[in-house]
Amino acid sequence: MAMNEQKRLAVVEDDPEILELICETFREEGYEVTGFNDARPLLRHVTRYGLPHLALVDLGLPSMDGFALIRHLQELGDLPIIIVTNQKDEHVVIEGLESYADDYVLKPFNVRELVARARRVLSRIPNYYYALPPVVRVDDWLSIDFGNGSLLVSGESIKLTPTEASLLHVLIRHAGRMVAAETLMARAWPGQFVNGETLRVHLHRLRRKIEPDAQHPRYIVTVPGNGYCFDTEHFELIRQMKICPECQTLLNG
């Protein structure tokens, strides 16, 4: 996607008046907004079209608990979430903020304040962040099915471990940019202490699965002393994207 692409929002809210208010207000602010009155239509949508940049989620939905919906969404990738709900219970609020969401907004709310909160959450997302579809075709050699946790490498289906899928997802969402080793470890092993050697071992195994020659990787490039970069040279979706200077130097050889 282009670096200045319009930010895409998904709003799931079973009250039609509130749903319309939120959607119309964000559209007036220049966002691309898709509204849903329940969890299942949203899940079908993201399965087909990929994750948005931000989701606004009500907790009291007809077909599914809001926390369960958020878990399903976050299994597909790192998705910023704002919970918009009338659930004022202190334990629910704390659980929502600690385990599920980037922000928690109680009803009734000021819609302009909601827009400001969304801007704040979105401002944390760097402009080289990519919202990925469930299946990513890198080039003729490599495709990744994040929904099923598998690869298609030169026509052969290969299973990814959950850790490998997490590492690959973070690298591709920041393709062409250096991702710090600390960031990769935090995303792949949330809440756990791991060292750089553990990360290197897992990346070595991942390279053996995806690279034509794991000793001379063309996809996952090491940025010495800093981190790792997913090369965009062969990446058809984002071949024209700007690459960070450290990675460009390495890729130019």
C-alpha atoms as a PDB file:
ATOM      1  CA  MET A   1       0.000   0.000   0.000  1.00  0.00           C
ATOM      2  CA  ALA A   2       1.127   3.550  -0.550  1.00  0.00           C
ATOM      3  CA  MET A   3       2.762   5.228   2.405  1.00  0.00           C
ATOM      4  CA  ASN A   4       0.147   8.007   2.451  1.00  0.00           C
ATOM      5  CA  GLU A   5      -2.770   5.650   1.957  1.00  0.00           C
ATOM      6  CA  GLN A   6      -6.048   6.588   3.585  1.00  0.00           C
ATOM      7  CA  LYS A   7      -6.334   4.846   6.942  1.00  0.00           C
ATOM      8  CA  ARG A   8      -8.923   2.060   6.986  1.00  0.00           C
ATOM      9  CA  LEU A   9     -11.184   1.637  10.011  1.00  0.00           C
ATOM     10  CA  ALA A  10     -13.616  -1.117  10.941  1.00  0.00           C
ATOM     11  CA  VAL A  11     -16.453  -0.337  13.355  1.00  0.00           C
ATOM     12  CA  VAL A  12     -18.586  -3.087  14.910  1.00  0.00           C
ATOM     13  CA  GLU A  13     -21.610  -1.844  16.838  1.00  0.00           C
ATOM     14  CA  ASP A  14     -25.093  -3.375  17.110  1.00  0.00           C
ATOM     15  CA  ASP A  15     -26.895  -0.071  17.745  1.00  0.00           C
ATOM     16  CA  PRO A  16     -27.638   1.266  14.231  1.00  0.00           C
ATOM     17  CA  GLU A  17     -27.782   4.915  15.296  1.00  0.00           C
ATOM     18  CA  ILE A  18     -24.433   4.779  17.088  1.00  0.00           C
ATOM     19  CA  LEU A  19     -22.911   2.822  14.205  1.00  0.00           C
ATOM     20  CA  GLU A  20     -24.058   5.424  11.685  1.00  0.00           C
ATOM     21  CA  LEU A  21     -22.831   8.300  13.866  1.00  0.00           C
ATOM     22  CA  ILE A  22     -19.355   6.819  14.258  1.00  0.00           C
ATOM     23  CA  CYS A  23     -18.994   5.839  10.606  1.00  0.00           C
ATOM     24  CA  GLU A  24     -20.199   9.157   9.198  1.00  0.00           C
ATOM     25  CA  THR A  25     -18.048  11.201  11.566  1.00  0.00           C
ATOM     26  CA  PHE A  26     -14.884   9.315  10.683  1.00  0.00           C
ATOM     27  CA  ARG A  27     -15.677   9.524   6.959  1.00  0.00           C
ATOM     28  CA  GLU A  28     -16.019  13.296   7.314  1.00  0.00           C
ATOM     29  CA  GLU A  29     -12.539  13.259   8.839  1.00  0.00           C
ATOM     30  CA  GLY A  30     -11.134  11.520   5.766  1.00  0.00           C
ATOM     31  CA  TYR A  31     -11.014   7.901   6.924  1.00  0.00           C
ATOM     32  CA  GLU A  32     -12.146   4.895   4.915  1.00  0.00           C
ATOM     33  CA  VAL A  33     -14.716   3.277   7.214  1.00  0.00           C
ATOM     34  CA  THR A  34     -16.619   0.002   7.040  1.00  0.00           C
ATOM     35  CA  GLY A  35     -19.359  -0.593   9.596  1.00  0.00           C
ATOM     36  CA  PHE A  36     -20.714  -3.902  10.900  1.00  0.00           C
ATOM     37  CA  ASN A  37     -23.661  -4.653  13.183  1.00  0.00           C
ATOM     38  CA  ASP A  38     -22.188  -7.898  14.542  1.00  0.00           C
ATOM     39  CA  ALA A  39     -18.964  -9.853  14.891  1.00  0.00           C
ATOM     40  CA  ARG A  40     -19.502 -12.443  12.174  1.00  0.00           C
ATOM     41  CA  PRO A  41     -19.788 -10.008   9.233  1.00  0.00           C
ATOM     42  CA  LEU A  42     -16.588  -8.315  10.392  1.00  0.00           C
ATOM     43  CA  LEU A  43     -14.716 -11.620  10.597  1.00  0.00           C
ATOM     44  CA  ARG A  44     -15.899 -12.577   7.115  1.00  0.00           C
ATOM     45  CA  HIS A  45     -14.762  -9.195   5.832  1.00  0.00           C
ATOM     46  CA  VAL A  46     -11.239  -9.335   7.271  1.00  0.00           C
ATOM     47  CA  THR A  47     -10.819 -12.927   6.115  1.00  0.00           C
ATOM     48  CA  ARG A  48     -11.489 -11.756   2.571  1.00  0.00           C
ATOM     49  CA  TYR A  49      -9.949  -8.280   2.531  1.00  0.00           C
ATOM     50  CA  GLY A  50      -7.402  -8.282   5.349  1.00  0.00           C
ATOM     51  CA  LEU A  51      -7.119  -6.321   8.563  1.00  0.00           C
ATOM     52  CA  PRO A  52      -7.867  -2.601   8.782  1.00  0.00           C
ATOM     53  CA  HIS A  53      -5.494  -0.146  10.415  1.00  0.00           C
ATOM     54  CA  LEU A  54      -7.784   0.225  13.452  1.00  0.00           C
ATOM     55  CA  ALA A  55     -10.936  -1.447  14.790  1.00  0.00           C
ATOM     56  CA  LEU A  56     -13.548   0.108  17.081  1.00  0.00           C
ATOM     57  CA  VAL A  57     -15.322  -2.721  18.893  1.00  0.00           C
ATOM     58  CA  ASP A  58     -18.418  -2.833  21.092  1.00  0.00           C
ATOM     59  CA  LEU A  59     -18.293  -5.551  23.750  1.00  0.00           C
ATOM     60  CA  GLY A  60     -22.016  -6.364  23.771  1.00  0.00           C
ATOM     61  CA  LEU A  61     -22.553  -7.996  20.384  1.00  0.00           C
ATOM     62  CA  PRO A  62     -25.363 -10.413  19.409  1.00  0.00           C
ATOM     63  CA  SER A  63     -23.378 -13.402  18.162  1.00  0.00           C
ATOM     64  CA  MET A  64     -20.098 -13.173  20.053  1.00  0.00           C
ATOM     65  CA  ASP A  65     -18.576 -11.619  23.144  1.00  0.00           C
ATOM     66  CA  GLY A  66     -16.505  -8.577  22.213  1.00  0.00           C
ATOM     67  CA  PHE A  67     -13.379  -9.915  23.905  1.00  0.00           C
ATOM     68  CA  ALA A  68     -13.714 -13.154  21.928  1.00  0.00           C
ATOM     69  CA  LEU A  69     -14.005 -11.135  18.715  1.00  0.00           C
ATOM     70  CA  ILE A  70     -10.871  -9.178  19.564  1.00  0.00           C
ATOM     71  CA  ARG A  71      -8.980 -12.418  20.234  1.00  0.00           C
ATOM     72  CA  HIS A  72     -10.004 -13.717  16.798  1.00  0.00           C
ATOM     73  CA  LEU A  73      -8.906 -10.483  15.127  1.00  0.00           C
ATOM     74  CA  GLN A  74      -5.569 -10.385  16.897  1.00  0.00           C
ATOM     75  CA  GLU A  75      -4.840 -13.964  15.902  1.00  0.00           C
ATOM     76  CA  LEU A  76      -4.728 -12.598  12.346  1.00  0.00           C
ATOM     77  CA  GLY A  77      -2.149  -9.960  13.219  1.00  0.00           C
ATOM     78  CA  ASP A  78      -1.252  -6.917  15.287  1.00  0.00           C
ATOM     79  CA  LEU A  79      -4.438  -4.867  15.105  1.00  0.00           C
ATOM     80  CA  PRO A  80      -4.906  -1.691  17.173  1.00  0.00           C
ATOM     81  CA  ILE A  81      -8.243  -1.803  19.017  1.00  0.00           C
ATOM     82  CA  ILE A  82     -10.437   0.797  20.690  1.00  0.00           C
ATOM     83  CA  ILE A  83     -13.229  -0.670  22.804  1.00  0.00           C
ATOM     84  CA  VAL A  84     -16.421   1.436  22.691  1.00  0.00           C
ATOM     85  CA  THR A  85     -18.935   0.124  25.214  1.00  0.00           C
ATOM     86  CA  ASN A  86     -21.345   0.862  28.047  1.00  0.00           C
ATOM     87  CA  GLN A  87     -19.665  -1.694  30.319  1.00  0.00           C
ATOM     88  CA  LYS A  88     -18.402   0.410  33.215  1.00  0.00           C
ATOM     89  CA  ASP A  89     -17.390  -2.424  35.545  1.00  0.00           C
ATOM     90  CA  GLU A  90     -13.889  -1.686  36.820  1.00  0.00           C
ATOM     91  CA  HIS A  91     -12.673  -5.252  36.270  1.00  0.00           C
ATOM     92  CA  VAL A  92     -13.921  -5.252  32.666  1.00  0.00           C
ATOM     93  CA  VAL A  93     -12.248  -1.910  31.975  1.00  0.00           C
ATOM     94  CA  ILE A  94      -8.940  -3.085  33.444  1.00  0.00           C
ATOM     95  CA  GLU A  95      -9.084  -6.401  31.579  1.00  0.00           C
ATOM     96  CA  GLY A  96      -9.861  -4.584  28.353  1.00  0.00           C
ATOM     97  CA  LEU A  97      -6.967  -2.166  28.659  1.00  0.00           C
ATOM     98  CA  GLU A  98      -4.416  -4.665  29.954  1.00  0.00           C
ATOM     99  CA  SER A  99      -5.174  -7.586  27.662  1.00  0.00           C
ATOM    100  CA  TYR A 100      -7.127  -6.480  24.630  1.00  0.00           C
ATOM    101  CA  ALA A 101      -7.249  -2.818  23.658  1.00  0.00           C
ATOM    102  CA  ASP A 102      -5.216   0.310  23.055  1.00  0.00           C
ATOM    103  CA  ASP A 103      -8.004   2.474  24.471  1.00  0.00           C
ATOM    104  CA  TYR A 104     -11.366   2.089  26.212  1.00  0.00           C
ATOM    105  CA  VAL A 105     -14.232   4.551  25.597  1.00  0.00           C
ATOM    106  CA  LEU A 106     -17.428   4.492  27.645  1.00  0.00           C
ATOM    107  CA  LYS A 107     -20.882   5.266  26.259  1.00  0.00           C
ATOM    108  CA  PRO A 108     -22.269   7.841  26.031  1.00  0.00           C
ATOM    109  CA  PHE A 109     -19.258   9.498  24.437  1.00  0.00           C
ATOM    110  CA  ASN A 110     -18.328  12.647  22.570  1.00  0.00           C
ATOM    111  CA  VAL A 111     -17.766  11.533  18.998  1.00  0.00           C
ATOM    112  CA  ARG A 112     -15.107  14.209  18.412  1.00  0.00           C
ATOM    113  CA  GLU A 113     -13.215  12.919  21.428  1.00  0.00           C
ATOM    114  CA  LEU A 114     -13.454   9.428  19.937  1.00  0.00           C
ATOM    115  CA  VAL A 115     -11.897  10.732  16.713  1.00  0.00           C
ATOM    116  CA  ALA A 116      -9.086  12.330  18.720  1.00  0.00           C
ATOM    117  CA  ARG A 117      -8.439   9.082  20.578  1.00  0.00           C
ATOM    118  CA  ALA A 118      -8.355   7.168  17.288  1.00  0.00           C
ATOM    119  CA  ARG A 119      -5.860   9.655  15.866  1.00  0.00           C
ATOM    120  CA  ARG A 120      -3.665   9.159  18.915  1.00  0.00           C
ATOM    121  CA  VAL A 121      -3.709   5.371  18.530  1.00  0.00           C
ATOM    122  CA  LEU A 122      -3.054   5.595  14.789  1.00  0.00           C
ATOM    123  CA  SER A 123      -0.196   8.048  15.343  1.00  0.00           C
ATOM    124  CA  ARG A 124       1.735   5.219  17.004  1.00  0.00           C
ATOM    125  CA  ILE A 125       1.665   3.270  13.746  1.00  0.00           C
ATOM    126  CA  PRO A 126       4.685   4.233  11.618  1.00  0.00           C
ATOM    127  CA  ASN A 127       4.048   5.246   8.021  1.00  0.00           C
ATOM    128  CA  TYR A 128       5.847   2.147   6.791  1.00  0.00           C
ATOM    129  CA  TYR A 129       3.337  -0.197   8.456  1.00  0.00           C
ATOM    130  CA  TYR A 130       1.370  -2.540   6.190  1.00  0.00           C
ATOM    131  CA  ALA A 131      -2.096  -3.940   6.862  1.00  0.00           C
ATOM    132  CA  LEU A 132      -1.812  -7.414   5.381  1.00  0.00           C
ATOM    133  CA  PRO A 133      -4.416  -9.677   3.799  1.00  0.00           C
ATOM    134  CA  PRO A 134      -4.654 -13.245   5.170  1.00  0.00           C
ATOM    135  CA  VAL A 135      -2.711 -14.583   2.170  1.00  0.00           C
ATOM    136  CA  VAL A 136       0.353 -12.649   1.004  1.00  0.00           C
ATOM    137  CA  ARG A 137       1.987 -13.443  -2.323  1.00  0.00           C
ATOM    138  CA  VAL A 138       5.570 -12.258  -2.112  1.00  0.00           C
ATOM    139  CA  ASP A 139       6.711 -13.455  -5.544  1.00  0.00           C
ATOM    140  CA  ASP A 140       6.705 -16.568  -7.732  1.00  0.00           C
ATOM    141  CA  TRP A 141       8.773 -18.438  -5.134  1.00  0.00           C
ATOM    142  CA  LEU A 142       7.017 -17.538  -1.883  1.00  0.00           C
ATOM    143  CA  SER A 143       3.458 -17.029  -0.611  1.00  0.00           C
ATOM    144  CA  ILE A 144       2.349 -16.906   3.021  1.00  0.00           C
ATOM    145  CA  ASP A 145      -1.062 -17.968   4.324  1.00  0.00           C
ATOM    146  CA  PHE A 146      -1.262 -16.315   7.732  1.00  0.00           C
ATOM    147  CA  GLY A 147      -4.807 -17.586   8.245  1.00  0.00           C
ATOM    148  CA  ASN A 148      -3.653 -21.211   8.113  1.00  0.00           C
ATOM    149  CA  GLY A 149      -0.103 -20.657   9.358  1.00  0.00           C
ATOM    150  CA  SER A 150       1.533 -22.094   6.266  1.00  0.00           C
ATOM    151  CA  LEU A 151       3.830 -21.273   3.353  1.00  0.00           C
ATOM    152  CA  LEU A 152       3.773 -22.086  -0.319  1.00  0.00           C
ATOM    153  CA  VAL A 153       7.436 -22.311  -1.319  1.00  0.00           C
ATOM    154  CA  SER A 154       8.129 -23.091  -4.966  1.00  0.00           C
ATOM    155  CA  GLY A 155       4.784 -24.891  -5.105  1.00  0.00           C
ATOM    156  CA  GLU A 156       5.339 -26.888  -1.905  1.00  0.00           C
ATOM    157  CA  SER A 157       3.127 -26.383   1.161  1.00  0.00           C
ATOM    158  CA  ILE A 158       5.115 -25.969   4.390  1.00  0.00           C
ATOM    159  CA  LYS A 159       3.681 -25.498   7.885  1.00  0.00           C
ATOM    160  CA  LEU A 160       4.800 -22.612  10.081  1.00  0.00           C
ATOM    161  CA  THR A 161       5.043 -22.803  13.848  1.00  0.00           C
ATOM    162  CA  PRO A 162       3.087 -20.069  15.677  1.00  0.00           C
ATOM    163  CA  THR A 163       6.370 -18.357  16.604  1.00  0.00           C
ATOM    164  CA  GLU A 164       7.617 -18.438  13.017  1.00  0.00           C
ATOM    165  CA  ALA A 165       4.304 -17.025  11.806  1.00  0.00           C
ATOM    166  CA  SER A 166       4.520 -14.191  14.350  1.00  0.00           C
ATOM    167  CA  LEU A 167       8.076 -13.322  13.344  1.00  0.00           C
ATOM    168  CA  LEU A 168       7.248 -13.372   9.654  1.00  0.00           C
ATOM    169  CA  HIS A 169       4.107 -11.309  10.174  1.00  0.00           C
ATOM    170  CA  VAL A 170       6.006  -8.534  11.974  1.00  0.00           C
ATOM    171  CA  LEU A 171       8.793  -8.485   9.384  1.00  0.00           C
ATOM    172  CA  ILE A 172       6.423  -8.313   6.431  1.00  0.00           C
ATOM    173  CA  ARG A 173       4.237  -5.651   8.004  1.00  0.00           C
ATOM    174  CA  HIS A 174       7.394  -3.528   8.189  1.00  0.00           C
ATOM    175  CA  ALA A 175       8.865  -4.765   4.905  1.00  0.00           C
ATOM    176  CA  GLY A 176      11.744  -2.689   3.641  1.00  0.00           C
ATOM    177  CA  ARG A 177      12.397  -1.311   7.126  1.00  0.00           C
ATOM    178  CA  MET A 178      14.680  -2.503   9.881  1.00  0.00           C
ATOM    179  CA  VAL A 179      12.864  -4.170  12.785  1.00  0.00           C
ATOM    180  CA  ALA A 180      14.810  -4.204  16.047  1.00  0.00           C
ATOM    181  CA  ALA A 181      15.563  -7.586  17.584  1.00  0.00           C
ATOM    182  CA  GLU A 182      13.865  -6.427  20.788  1.00  0.00           C
ATOM    183  CA  THR A 183      10.673  -5.680  18.857  1.00  0.00           C
ATOM    184  CA  LEU A 184      10.655  -9.113  17.242  1.00  0.00           C
ATOM    185  CA  MET A 185      11.180 -10.825  20.586  1.00  0.00           C
ATOM    186  CA  ALA A 186       8.404  -8.817  22.244  1.00  0.00           C
ATOM    187  CA  ARG A 187       5.937  -9.665  19.478  1.00  0.00           C
ATOM    188  CA  ALA A 188       6.831 -13.341  19.093  1.00  0.00           C
ATOM    189  CA  TRP A 189       7.147 -14.090  22.829  1.00  0.00           C
ATOM    190  CA  PRO A 190       4.824 -11.594  24.569  1.00  0.00           C
ATOM    191  CA  GLY A 191       5.367 -11.413  28.310  1.00  0.00           C
ATOM    192  CA  GLN A 192       8.330 -13.807  28.194  1.00  0.00           C
ATOM    193  CA  PHE A 193      12.047 -13.237  28.599  1.00  0.00           C
ATOM    194  CA  VAL A 194      14.052 -14.530  25.646  1.00  0.00           C
ATOM    195  CA  ASN A 195      17.539 -13.671  24.478  1.00  0.00           C
ATOM    196  CA  GLY A 196      19.007 -12.834  21.118  1.00  0.00           C
ATOM    197  CA  GLU A 197      20.278 -16.361  20.569  1.00  0.00           C
ATOM    198  CA  THR A 198      16.742 -17.764  20.828  1.00  0.00           C
ATOM    199  CA  LEU A 199      15.623 -15.256  18.207  1.00  0.00           C
ATOM    200  CA  ARG A 200      18.517 -16.137  15.912  1.00  0.00           C
ATOM    201  CA  VAL A 201      17.743 -19.859  16.151  1.00  0.00           C
ATOM    202  CA  HIS A 202      14.099 -19.318  15.201  1.00  0.00           C
ATOM    203  CA  LEU A 203      15.000 -16.995  12.330  1.00  0.00           C
ATOM    204  CA  HIS A 204      17.521 -19.552  11.071  1.00  0.00           C
ATOM    205  CA  ARG A 205      14.789 -22.204  11.024  1.00  0.00           C
ATOM    206  CA  LEU A 206      12.443 -19.783   9.284  1.00  0.00           C
ATOM    207  CA  ARG A 207      15.058 -18.981   6.659  1.00  0.00           C
ATOM    208  CA  ARG A 208      15.542 -22.688   5.999  1.00  0.00           C
ATOM    209  CA  LYS A 209      11.848 -22.865   5.163  1.00  0.00           C
ATOM    210  CA  ILE A 210      11.491 -19.791   2.961  1.00  0.00           C
ATOM    211  CA  GLU A 211      14.875 -19.063   1.401  1.00  0.00           C
ATOM    212  CA  PRO A 212      16.214 -20.655  -1.791  1.00  0.00           C
ATOM    213  CA  ASP A 213      19.612 -20.544  -0.024  1.00  0.00           C
ATOM    214  CA  ALA A 214      19.411 -20.049   3.752  1.00  0.00           C
ATOM    215  CA  GLN A 215      23.142 -19.240   3.927  1.00  0.00           C
ATOM    216  CA  HIS A 216      22.617 -16.304   1.557  1.00  0.00           C
ATOM    217  CA  PRO A 217      19.124 -15.049   2.429  1.00  0.00           C
ATOM    218  CA  ARG A 218      17.281 -12.811   0.010  1.00  0.00           C
ATOM    219  CA  TYR A 219      14.106 -12.311   2.057  1.00  0.00           C
ATOM    220  CA  ILE A 220      15.096 -11.959   5.728  1.00  0.00           C
ATOM    221  CA  VAL A 221      18.216  -9.797   5.813  1.00  0.00           C
ATOM    222  CA  THR A 222      20.274  -9.208   8.964  1.00  0.00           C
ATOM    223  CA  VAL A 223      21.062  -5.575   9.803  1.00  0.00           C
ATOM    224  CA  PRO A 224      24.249  -6.061  11.904  1.00  0.00           C
ATOM    225  CA  GLY A 225      23.948  -4.772  15.440  1.00  0.00           C
ATOM    226  CA  ASN A 226      20.404  -3.527  14.919  1.00  0.00           C
ATOM    227  CA  GLY A 227      17.853  -6.083  13.766  1.00  0.00           C
ATOM    228  CA  TYR A 228      16.338  -7.599  10.658  1.00  0.00           C
ATOM    229  CA  CYS A 229      14.675  -6.470   7.446  1.00  0.00           C
ATOM    230  CA  PHE A 230      12.325  -8.178   4.998  1.00  0.00           C
ATOM    231  CA  ASP A 231      13.659  -7.350   1.526  1.00  0.00           C
ATOM    232  CA  THR A 232      11.100  -5.744  -0.802  1.00  0.00           C
ATOM    233  CA  GLU A 233      13.008  -6.365  -4.041  1.00  0.00           C
ATOM    234  CA  HIS A 234      10.891  -9.390  -4.943  1.00  0.00           C
ATOM    235  CA  PHE A 235       7.785  -8.322  -3.005  1.00  0.00           C
ATOM    236  CA  GLU A 236       5.185  -7.568  -5.682  1.00  0.00           C
ATOM    237  CA  LEU A 237       2.761  -5.827  -3.289  1.00  0.00           C
ATOM    238  CA  ILE A 238       5.232  -3.205  -2.099  1.00  0.00           C
ATOM    239  CA  ARG A 239       8.137  -3.231  -4.519  1.00  0.00           C
ATOM    240  CA  GLN A 240       7.980   0.538  -4.883  1.00  0.00           C
ATOM    241  CA  MET A 241       8.089   1.275  -1.144  1.00  0.00           C
ATOM    242  CA  LYS A 242      10.804   3.403   0.412  1.00  0.00           C
ATOM    243  CA  ILE A 243      13.439   1.299   2.152  1.00  0.00           C
ATOM    244  CA  CYS A 244      15.282   2.430   5.256  1.00  0.00           C
ATOM    245  CA  PRO A 245      18.926   3.506   4.649  1.00  0.00           C
ATOM    246  CA  GLU A 246      20.457   0.682   6.719  1.00  0.00           C
ATOM    247  CA  CYS A 247      18.535  -1.961   4.779  1.00  0.00           C
ATOM    248  CA  GLN A 248      19.116  -0.281   1.401  1.00  0.00           C
ATOM    249  CA  THR A 249      22.879  -0.361   1.980  1.00  0.00           C
ATOM    250  CA  LEU A 250      22.755  -4.087   2.691  1.00  0.00           C
ATOM    251  CA  LEU A 251      20.449  -4.869  -0.218  1.00  0.00           C
ATOM    252  CA  ASN A 252      22.619  -2.911  -2.643  1.00  0.00           C
ATOM    253  CA  GLY A 253      25.581  -5.014  -1.538  1.00  0.00           C
END
